[in-house]
Amino acid sequence: MIISTQNPRIKHLLLLGQKSSQRRADGLFVVEGRREVEHCLGAGYTLRTAFVCEEIAGAPLSLPQGTEVVPVSPNVYERIAYRGSTEGIVAVVETRHLGLNDLKLSPSPLIVVLESVEKPGNLGAVLRSADAAGADAVIVCDPLTDLYNPNLIRSAVGALFTVPCVACTTEECIKFFKARGIKILTAQLQDSSLYYDTPMTGPTAIVMGTEATGLTEQWRQAADAHIRIPMLGRLDSLNVSVSAAILLFEAVRQRQIQ
């Protein structure tokens, strides 16, 4: 059992949580919590090591053969866990990078695209909405955040493992959509129609930019239609995760009444 927070393995675990450069160098990331680890295993990820505090964990978690299980004391677990209610397990997992051509899309896919998303919490929340709406994938173009950032994984509550998530360039993404006849709908205020007046029953990609700068001209030019959410107050934008949820569930509504 590891009882010291100064143990080299604990220091390395903390570095994986704090530094994207360490995650990239090692090909590893950190997943905290029983539910998140179960979703991770269900998605076929490989667990390298599970740090377990048996006093907190309660019933044992069924882990794949070959997973190294390292018991830790409560004081060490308190140091490595971001939340106190994560059932006593923090796992080190091997990263897996999907490409656009790895996506297994339905005949009429629904895809969310985020351009240059910066806040991992926003991306995590979008992934949760995408899971709830049954979206085929979330694509992050020119990302400014690491897909395995612990804040993203926490805010996604396992959705990073239930919804395929791909990082690529805007150019690659547009080419991918055009080749497959996927309609590009860009969320923007200028030169746009109300979102509920725009058909979303066919193959559809809903594309959103940052709250500060919106979408780049490259997306605006590539779009098949520009859509907007009516803003009736004094502000002119919503949080990107809220906008994504509204637009996704409009697509769900249209598809259900089709």
C-alpha atoms as a PDB file:
ATOM      1  CA  MET A   1       0.000   0.000   0.000  1.00  0.00           C
ATOM      2  CA  ILE A   2       1.200   3.504  -0.852  1.00  0.00           C
ATOM      3  CA  ILE A   3       0.905   5.697   2.243  1.00  0.00           C
ATOM      4  CA  SER A   4       2.989   8.708   1.229  1.00  0.00           C
ATOM      5  CA  THR A   5       1.936  11.482  -1.142  1.00  0.00           C
ATOM      6  CA  GLN A   6       5.637  11.865  -1.980  1.00  0.00           C
ATOM      7  CA  ASN A   7       5.775   8.419  -3.546  1.00  0.00           C
ATOM      8  CA  PRO A   8       7.161   8.697  -7.129  1.00  0.00           C
ATOM      9  CA  ARG A   9       4.136   6.894  -8.571  1.00  0.00           C
ATOM     10  CA  ILE A  10       1.783   9.343  -6.904  1.00  0.00           C
ATOM     11  CA  LYS A  11       3.842  12.262  -8.190  1.00  0.00           C
ATOM     12  CA  HIS A  12       3.652  10.853 -11.720  1.00  0.00           C
ATOM     13  CA  LEU A  13      -0.109  10.333 -11.404  1.00  0.00           C
ATOM     14  CA  LEU A  14      -0.534  13.961 -10.374  1.00  0.00           C
ATOM     15  CA  LEU A  15       1.597  15.105 -13.310  1.00  0.00           C
ATOM     16  CA  LEU A  16      -0.644  13.160 -15.707  1.00  0.00           C
ATOM     17  CA  GLY A  17      -3.612  15.045 -14.312  1.00  0.00           C
ATOM     18  CA  GLN A  18      -1.956  18.432 -14.464  1.00  0.00           C
ATOM     19  CA  LYS A  19       0.151  18.449 -17.640  1.00  0.00           C
ATOM     20  CA  SER A  20      -1.091  17.774 -21.172  1.00  0.00           C
ATOM     21  CA  SER A  21       2.576  17.460 -22.234  1.00  0.00           C
ATOM     22  CA  GLN A  22       2.997  14.555 -19.792  1.00  0.00           C
ATOM     23  CA  ARG A  23      -0.149  12.877 -21.110  1.00  0.00           C
ATOM     24  CA  ARG A  24       1.080  13.205 -24.690  1.00  0.00           C
ATOM     25  CA  ALA A  25       4.576  11.969 -23.844  1.00  0.00           C
ATOM     26  CA  ASP A  26       3.330   8.904 -21.960  1.00  0.00           C
ATOM     27  CA  GLY A  27       0.210   8.142 -24.006  1.00  0.00           C
ATOM     28  CA  LEU A  28      -1.739   7.984 -20.754  1.00  0.00           C
ATOM     29  CA  PHE A  29      -4.519   9.878 -18.999  1.00  0.00           C
ATOM     30  CA  VAL A  30      -6.376   9.772 -15.684  1.00  0.00           C
ATOM     31  CA  VAL A  31      -9.965   8.707 -15.026  1.00  0.00           C
ATOM     32  CA  GLU A  32     -11.477   9.201 -11.596  1.00  0.00           C
ATOM     33  CA  GLY A  33     -14.585   7.500 -10.249  1.00  0.00           C
ATOM     34  CA  ARG A  34     -16.330   4.132 -10.495  1.00  0.00           C
ATOM     35  CA  ARG A  35     -18.947   5.243 -13.034  1.00  0.00           C
ATOM     36  CA  GLU A  36     -16.383   6.916 -15.311  1.00  0.00           C
ATOM     37  CA  VAL A  37     -14.072   3.888 -15.168  1.00  0.00           C
ATOM     38  CA  GLU A  38     -16.973   1.567 -16.062  1.00  0.00           C
ATOM     39  CA  HIS A  39     -17.853   3.730 -19.099  1.00  0.00           C
ATOM     40  CA  CYS A  40     -14.178   3.798 -20.056  1.00  0.00           C
ATOM     41  CA  LEU A  41     -13.969  -0.008 -19.948  1.00  0.00           C
ATOM     42  CA  GLY A  42     -17.233  -0.301 -21.856  1.00  0.00           C
ATOM     43  CA  ALA A  43     -15.726   1.783 -24.652  1.00  0.00           C
ATOM     44  CA  GLY A  44     -12.802  -0.599 -24.966  1.00  0.00           C
ATOM     45  CA  TYR A  45     -10.051   1.503 -23.409  1.00  0.00           C
ATOM     46  CA  THR A  46      -7.102  -0.253 -21.756  1.00  0.00           C
ATOM     47  CA  LEU A  47      -6.568   0.385 -18.059  1.00  0.00           C
ATOM     48  CA  ARG A  48      -2.928   0.402 -17.114  1.00  0.00           C
ATOM     49  CA  THR A  49      -3.161   0.942 -13.348  1.00  0.00           C
ATOM     50  CA  ALA A  50      -5.949   1.399 -10.808  1.00  0.00           C
ATOM     51  CA  PHE A  51      -5.133   3.234  -7.591  1.00  0.00           C
ATOM     52  CA  VAL A  52      -7.735   2.038  -5.098  1.00  0.00           C
ATOM     53  CA  CYS A  53      -8.543   3.123  -1.556  1.00  0.00           C
ATOM     54  CA  GLU A  54     -10.337   0.066  -0.210  1.00  0.00           C
ATOM     55  CA  GLU A  55     -11.703   1.958   2.796  1.00  0.00           C
ATOM     56  CA  ILE A  56     -13.644   4.212   0.405  1.00  0.00           C
ATOM     57  CA  ALA A  57     -14.259   1.880  -2.531  1.00  0.00           C
ATOM     58  CA  GLY A  58     -16.599  -0.556  -0.787  1.00  0.00           C
ATOM     59  CA  ALA A  59     -17.679  -3.287  -3.234  1.00  0.00           C
ATOM     60  CA  PRO A  60     -14.783  -4.265  -5.525  1.00  0.00           C
ATOM     61  CA  LEU A  61     -14.856  -3.037  -9.119  1.00  0.00           C
ATOM     62  CA  SER A  62     -14.540  -5.730 -11.762  1.00  0.00           C
ATOM     63  CA  LEU A  63     -11.346  -4.864 -13.637  1.00  0.00           C
ATOM     64  CA  PRO A  64      -9.863  -6.601 -16.686  1.00  0.00           C
ATOM     65  CA  GLN A  65      -7.126  -9.163 -16.254  1.00  0.00           C
ATOM     66  CA  GLY A  66      -3.727  -7.562 -16.396  1.00  0.00           C
ATOM     67  CA  THR A  67      -4.779  -4.308 -14.723  1.00  0.00           C
ATOM     68  CA  GLU A  68      -2.316  -3.421 -12.000  1.00  0.00           C
ATOM     69  CA  VAL A  69      -4.182  -2.589  -8.786  1.00  0.00           C
ATOM     70  CA  VAL A  70      -2.287  -0.378  -6.339  1.00  0.00           C
ATOM     71  CA  PRO A  71      -3.836   0.102  -2.892  1.00  0.00           C
ATOM     72  CA  VAL A  72      -3.483   3.590  -1.422  1.00  0.00           C
ATOM     73  CA  SER A  73      -4.214   4.999   2.022  1.00  0.00           C
ATOM     74  CA  PRO A  74      -7.085   7.475   2.612  1.00  0.00           C
ATOM     75  CA  ASN A  75      -4.686  10.427   2.915  1.00  0.00           C
ATOM     76  CA  VAL A  76      -3.076   9.547  -0.443  1.00  0.00           C
ATOM     77  CA  TYR A  77      -6.479   9.132  -2.074  1.00  0.00           C
ATOM     78  CA  GLU A  78      -7.494  12.546  -0.762  1.00  0.00           C
ATOM     79  CA  ARG A  79      -4.450  13.965  -2.535  1.00  0.00           C
ATOM     80  CA  ILE A  80      -5.035  12.268  -5.905  1.00  0.00           C
ATOM     81  CA  ALA A  81      -8.842  12.578  -6.073  1.00  0.00           C
ATOM     82  CA  TYR A  82     -10.412  15.798  -7.311  1.00  0.00           C
ATOM     83  CA  ARG A  83     -13.776  14.894  -5.809  1.00  0.00           C
ATOM     84  CA  GLY A  84     -14.425  13.144  -2.537  1.00  0.00           C
ATOM     85  CA  SER A  85     -17.356  11.151  -3.881  1.00  0.00           C
ATOM     86  CA  THR A  86     -15.564   9.072  -6.510  1.00  0.00           C
ATOM     87  CA  GLU A  87     -15.842   5.679  -4.825  1.00  0.00           C
ATOM     88  CA  GLY A  88     -12.171   5.257  -4.098  1.00  0.00           C
ATOM     89  CA  ILE A  89     -10.693   4.624  -7.553  1.00  0.00           C
ATOM     90  CA  VAL A  90      -8.389   6.651  -9.791  1.00  0.00           C
ATOM     91  CA  ALA A  91      -7.241   4.861 -12.946  1.00  0.00           C
ATOM     92  CA  VAL A  92      -4.414   5.433 -15.411  1.00  0.00           C
ATOM     93  CA  VAL A  93      -5.637   4.628 -18.930  1.00  0.00           C
ATOM     94  CA  GLU A  94      -3.966   4.350 -22.326  1.00  0.00           C
ATOM     95  CA  THR A  95      -4.974   7.126 -24.732  1.00  0.00           C
ATOM     96  CA  ARG A  96      -6.716   6.286 -27.987  1.00  0.00           C
ATOM     97  CA  HIS A  97      -6.979   8.748 -30.854  1.00  0.00           C
ATOM     98  CA  LEU A  98      -9.843   8.364 -33.314  1.00  0.00           C
ATOM     99  CA  GLY A  99      -9.611   9.829 -36.799  1.00  0.00           C
ATOM    100  CA  LEU A 100     -12.478  10.953 -39.012  1.00  0.00           C
ATOM    101  CA  ASN A 101     -12.318   7.734 -41.029  1.00  0.00           C
ATOM    102  CA  ASP A 102     -12.655   5.689 -37.827  1.00  0.00           C
ATOM    103  CA  LEU A 103     -16.156   7.053 -37.216  1.00  0.00           C
ATOM    104  CA  LYS A 104     -18.980   4.559 -37.708  1.00  0.00           C
ATOM    105  CA  LEU A 105     -21.826   6.818 -38.780  1.00  0.00           C
ATOM    106  CA  SER A 106     -25.499   5.965 -39.053  1.00  0.00           C
ATOM    107  CA  PRO A 107     -27.285   6.359 -42.436  1.00  0.00           C
ATOM    108  CA  SER A 108     -28.510   9.824 -41.356  1.00  0.00           C
ATOM    109  CA  PRO A 109     -25.878  10.971 -38.886  1.00  0.00           C
ATOM    110  CA  LEU A 110     -26.175  13.828 -36.416  1.00  0.00           C
ATOM    111  CA  ILE A 111     -22.809  15.373 -35.594  1.00  0.00           C
ATOM    112  CA  VAL A 112     -21.711  18.279 -33.420  1.00  0.00           C
ATOM    113  CA  VAL A 113     -18.656  20.300 -34.454  1.00  0.00           C
ATOM    114  CA  LEU A 114     -16.875  22.736 -32.157  1.00  0.00           C
ATOM    115  CA  GLU A 115     -14.226  25.021 -33.607  1.00  0.00           C
ATOM    116  CA  SER A 116     -11.305  26.059 -31.386  1.00  0.00           C
ATOM    117  CA  VAL A 117     -13.086  25.199 -28.145  1.00  0.00           C
ATOM    118  CA  GLU A 118     -10.926  26.357 -25.254  1.00  0.00           C
ATOM    119  CA  LYS A 119     -12.725  25.471 -22.022  1.00  0.00           C
ATOM    120  CA  PRO A 120     -12.674  21.742 -21.212  1.00  0.00           C
ATOM    121  CA  GLY A 121     -15.825  22.099 -19.106  1.00  0.00           C
ATOM    122  CA  ASN A 122     -17.759  23.362 -22.135  1.00  0.00           C
ATOM    123  CA  LEU A 123     -16.634  20.445 -24.268  1.00  0.00           C
ATOM    124  CA  GLY A 124     -17.535  18.014 -21.513  1.00  0.00           C
ATOM    125  CA  ALA A 125     -21.027  19.494 -21.254  1.00  0.00           C
ATOM    126  CA  VAL A 126     -21.478  19.296 -25.045  1.00  0.00           C
ATOM    127  CA  LEU A 127     -20.496  15.623 -24.954  1.00  0.00           C
ATOM    128  CA  ARG A 128     -23.183  14.978 -22.322  1.00  0.00           C
ATOM    129  CA  SER A 129     -25.809  16.639 -24.525  1.00  0.00           C
ATOM    130  CA  ALA A 130     -24.552  14.710 -27.551  1.00  0.00           C
ATOM    131  CA  ASP A 131     -24.921  11.452 -25.642  1.00  0.00           C
ATOM    132  CA  ALA A 132     -28.432  12.373 -24.492  1.00  0.00           C
ATOM    133  CA  ALA A 133     -29.469  13.255 -28.053  1.00  0.00           C
ATOM    134  CA  GLY A 134     -27.971  10.100 -29.536  1.00  0.00           C
ATOM    135  CA  ALA A 135     -25.522  12.027 -31.708  1.00  0.00           C
ATOM    136  CA  ASP A 136     -23.106  10.015 -33.820  1.00  0.00           C
ATOM    137  CA  ALA A 137     -20.007  12.006 -32.911  1.00  0.00           C
ATOM    138  CA  VAL A 138     -18.491  15.209 -31.614  1.00  0.00           C
ATOM    139  CA  ILE A 139     -15.714  16.670 -33.746  1.00  0.00           C
ATOM    140  CA  VAL A 140     -13.337  19.286 -32.359  1.00  0.00           C
ATOM    141  CA  CYS A 141     -11.612  21.349 -35.042  1.00  0.00           C
ATOM    142  CA  ASP A 142      -8.320  23.068 -34.262  1.00  0.00           C
ATOM    143  CA  PRO A 143      -8.746  22.351 -30.526  1.00  0.00           C
ATOM    144  CA  LEU A 144      -7.267  24.572 -27.846  1.00  0.00           C
ATOM    145  CA  THR A 145      -7.857  21.989 -25.132  1.00  0.00           C
ATOM    146  CA  ASP A 146      -6.634  18.442 -24.617  1.00  0.00           C
ATOM    147  CA  LEU A 147      -9.358  15.818 -25.173  1.00  0.00           C
ATOM    148  CA  TYR A 148      -8.041  13.949 -22.123  1.00  0.00           C
ATOM    149  CA  ASN A 149      -8.021  16.961 -19.815  1.00  0.00           C
ATOM    150  CA  PRO A 150      -9.317  15.775 -16.391  1.00  0.00           C
ATOM    151  CA  ASN A 151     -11.759  18.707 -16.212  1.00  0.00           C
ATOM    152  CA  LEU A 152     -13.260  17.592 -19.537  1.00  0.00           C
ATOM    153  CA  ILE A 153     -13.573  13.987 -18.353  1.00  0.00           C
ATOM    154  CA  ARG A 154     -15.194  15.084 -15.085  1.00  0.00           C
ATOM    155  CA  SER A 155     -17.668  17.461 -16.712  1.00  0.00           C
ATOM    156  CA  ALA A 156     -18.554  14.863 -19.367  1.00  0.00           C
ATOM    157  CA  VAL A 157     -19.461  12.346 -16.613  1.00  0.00           C
ATOM    158  CA  GLY A 158     -18.404   9.447 -18.849  1.00  0.00           C
ATOM    159  CA  ALA A 159     -19.741  10.844 -22.141  1.00  0.00           C
ATOM    160  CA  LEU A 160     -16.214  11.092 -23.562  1.00  0.00           C
ATOM    161  CA  PHE A 161     -16.369   7.292 -23.668  1.00  0.00           C
ATOM    162  CA  THR A 162     -19.944   6.930 -24.935  1.00  0.00           C
ATOM    163  CA  VAL A 163     -19.772   9.447 -27.821  1.00  0.00           C
ATOM    164  CA  PRO A 164     -16.949   9.157 -30.387  1.00  0.00           C
ATOM    165  CA  CYS A 165     -14.844  12.324 -30.191  1.00  0.00           C
ATOM    166  CA  VAL A 166     -12.368  13.286 -32.921  1.00  0.00           C
ATOM    167  CA  ALA A 167      -9.895  16.152 -33.162  1.00  0.00           C
ATOM    168  CA  CYS A 168      -8.893  17.387 -36.625  1.00  0.00           C
ATOM    169  CA  THR A 169      -8.420  20.538 -38.680  1.00  0.00           C
ATOM    170  CA  THR A 170     -11.301  22.569 -40.065  1.00  0.00           C
ATOM    171  CA  GLU A 171     -10.150  21.803 -43.608  1.00  0.00           C
ATOM    172  CA  GLU A 172     -10.144  18.048 -42.972  1.00  0.00           C
ATOM    173  CA  CYS A 173     -13.597  18.197 -41.405  1.00  0.00           C
ATOM    174  CA  ILE A 174     -15.204  20.171 -44.225  1.00  0.00           C
ATOM    175  CA  LYS A 175     -13.715  17.822 -46.811  1.00  0.00           C
ATOM    176  CA  PHE A 176     -15.054  14.828 -44.828  1.00  0.00           C
ATOM    177  CA  PHE A 177     -18.598  16.253 -44.729  1.00  0.00           C
ATOM    178  CA  LYS A 178     -18.677  17.277 -48.379  1.00  0.00           C
ATOM    179  CA  ALA A 179     -17.512  13.830 -49.508  1.00  0.00           C
ATOM    180  CA  ARG A 180     -20.327  12.162 -47.555  1.00  0.00           C
ATOM    181  CA  GLY A 181     -23.158  14.557 -48.309  1.00  0.00           C
ATOM    182  CA  ILE A 182     -23.480  15.722 -44.700  1.00  0.00           C
ATOM    183  CA  LYS A 183     -25.297  19.057 -44.505  1.00  0.00           C
ATOM    184  CA  ILE A 184     -23.319  21.746 -42.668  1.00  0.00           C
ATOM    185  CA  LEU A 185     -25.360  24.063 -40.430  1.00  0.00           C
ATOM    186  CA  THR A 186     -23.343  26.875 -38.882  1.00  0.00           C
ATOM    187  CA  ALA A 187     -24.650  28.619 -35.767  1.00  0.00           C
ATOM    188  CA  GLN A 188     -24.159  32.350 -36.317  1.00  0.00           C
ATOM    189  CA  LEU A 189     -26.044  35.591 -35.887  1.00  0.00           C
ATOM    190  CA  GLN A 190     -25.328  37.079 -39.309  1.00  0.00           C
ATOM    191  CA  ASP A 191     -27.294  36.139 -42.424  1.00  0.00           C
ATOM    192  CA  SER A 192     -29.081  33.289 -40.670  1.00  0.00           C
ATOM    193  CA  SER A 193     -32.490  31.636 -40.269  1.00  0.00           C
ATOM    194  CA  LEU A 194     -34.162  30.539 -37.051  1.00  0.00           C
ATOM    195  CA  TYR A 195     -32.966  27.077 -36.143  1.00  0.00           C
ATOM    196  CA  TYR A 196     -36.447  25.550 -35.932  1.00  0.00           C
ATOM    197  CA  ASP A 197     -37.176  26.614 -39.517  1.00  0.00           C
ATOM    198  CA  THR A 198     -34.178  24.642 -40.815  1.00  0.00           C
ATOM    199  CA  PRO A 199     -34.525  20.930 -41.719  1.00  0.00           C
ATOM    200  CA  MET A 200     -32.273  18.637 -39.681  1.00  0.00           C
ATOM    201  CA  THR A 201     -33.711  15.245 -40.553  1.00  0.00           C
ATOM    202  CA  GLY A 202     -31.054  14.263 -43.086  1.00  0.00           C
ATOM    203  CA  PRO A 203     -27.320  13.813 -42.471  1.00  0.00           C
ATOM    204  CA  THR A 204     -26.507  16.924 -40.429  1.00  0.00           C
ATOM    205  CA  ALA A 205     -23.505  18.575 -38.809  1.00  0.00           C
ATOM    206  CA  ILE A 206     -24.197  21.421 -36.372  1.00  0.00           C
ATOM    207  CA  VAL A 207     -21.138  23.658 -36.235  1.00  0.00           C
ATOM    208  CA  MET A 208     -20.407  26.160 -33.457  1.00  0.00           C
ATOM    209  CA  GLY A 209     -17.532  28.471 -32.656  1.00  0.00           C
ATOM    210  CA  THR A 210     -16.369  30.215 -29.509  1.00  0.00           C
ATOM    211  CA  GLU A 211     -18.591  32.688 -27.665  1.00  0.00           C
ATOM    212  CA  ALA A 212     -15.970  35.412 -28.074  1.00  0.00           C
ATOM    213  CA  THR A 213     -15.167  35.203 -31.793  1.00  0.00           C
ATOM    214  CA  GLY A 214     -17.735  32.853 -33.337  1.00  0.00           C
ATOM    215  CA  LEU A 215     -16.874  30.780 -36.375  1.00  0.00           C
ATOM    216  CA  THR A 216     -14.114  31.441 -38.863  1.00  0.00           C
ATOM    217  CA  GLU A 217     -14.953  32.512 -42.405  1.00  0.00           C
ATOM    218  CA  GLN A 218     -13.910  29.083 -43.675  1.00  0.00           C
ATOM    219  CA  TRP A 219     -16.920  27.498 -41.981  1.00  0.00           C
ATOM    220  CA  ARG A 220     -19.298  30.284 -42.991  1.00  0.00           C
ATOM    221  CA  GLN A 221     -18.340  29.801 -46.622  1.00  0.00           C
ATOM    222  CA  ALA A 222     -18.640  26.000 -46.455  1.00  0.00           C
ATOM    223  CA  ALA A 223     -22.075  26.042 -44.788  1.00  0.00           C
ATOM    224  CA  ASP A 224     -25.213  24.764 -46.474  1.00  0.00           C
ATOM    225  CA  ALA A 225     -27.300  26.919 -44.117  1.00  0.00           C
ATOM    226  CA  HIS A 226     -26.740  29.442 -41.333  1.00  0.00           C
ATOM    227  CA  ILE A 227     -28.907  29.074 -38.227  1.00  0.00           C
ATOM    228  CA  ARG A 228     -29.487  31.101 -35.083  1.00  0.00           C
ATOM    229  CA  ILE A 229     -31.228  30.810 -31.744  1.00  0.00           C
ATOM    230  CA  PRO A 230     -33.506  33.825 -31.116  1.00  0.00           C
ATOM    231  CA  MET A 231     -32.020  36.105 -28.447  1.00  0.00           C
ATOM    232  CA  LEU A 232     -34.785  38.163 -26.816  1.00  0.00           C
ATOM    233  CA  GLY A 233     -32.768  39.717 -24.010  1.00  0.00           C
ATOM    234  CA  ARG A 234     -29.979  42.263 -23.990  1.00  0.00           C
ATOM    235  CA  LEU A 235     -27.159  39.769 -24.565  1.00  0.00           C
ATOM    236  CA  ASP A 236     -26.337  38.258 -27.946  1.00  0.00           C
ATOM    237  CA  SER A 237     -24.920  34.846 -27.084  1.00  0.00           C
ATOM    238  CA  LEU A 238     -25.423  31.708 -25.012  1.00  0.00           C
ATOM    239  CA  ASN A 239     -22.852  29.378 -23.529  1.00  0.00           C
ATOM    240  CA  VAL A 240     -21.784  27.013 -26.307  1.00  0.00           C
ATOM    241  CA  SER A 241     -22.913  23.950 -24.357  1.00  0.00           C
ATOM    242  CA  VAL A 242     -26.412  25.420 -23.902  1.00  0.00           C
ATOM    243  CA  SER A 243     -26.600  26.280 -27.606  1.00  0.00           C
ATOM    244  CA  ALA A 244     -25.491  22.767 -28.525  1.00  0.00           C
ATOM    245  CA  ALA A 245     -28.217  21.215 -26.373  1.00  0.00           C
ATOM    246  CA  ILE A 246     -30.933  23.412 -27.904  1.00  0.00           C
ATOM    247  CA  LEU A 247     -29.875  22.643 -31.472  1.00  0.00           C
ATOM    248  CA  LEU A 248     -29.332  18.930 -30.880  1.00  0.00           C
ATOM    249  CA  PHE A 249     -32.758  18.428 -29.399  1.00  0.00           C
ATOM    250  CA  GLU A 250     -34.392  20.349 -32.219  1.00  0.00           C
ATOM    251  CA  ALA A 251     -32.822  17.777 -34.529  1.00  0.00           C
ATOM    252  CA  VAL A 252     -34.171  15.019 -32.268  1.00  0.00           C
ATOM    253  CA  ARG A 253     -37.647  16.601 -32.334  1.00  0.00           C
ATOM    254  CA  GLN A 254     -37.683  16.850 -36.114  1.00  0.00           C
ATOM    255  CA  ARG A 255     -36.509  13.283 -36.540  1.00  0.00           C
ATOM    256  CA  GLN A 256     -39.115  11.910 -34.166  1.00  0.00           C
ATOM    257  CA  ILE A 257     -42.047  13.553 -35.955  1.00  0.00           C
ATOM    258  CA  GLN A 258     -40.712  12.794 -39.423  1.00  0.00           C
END
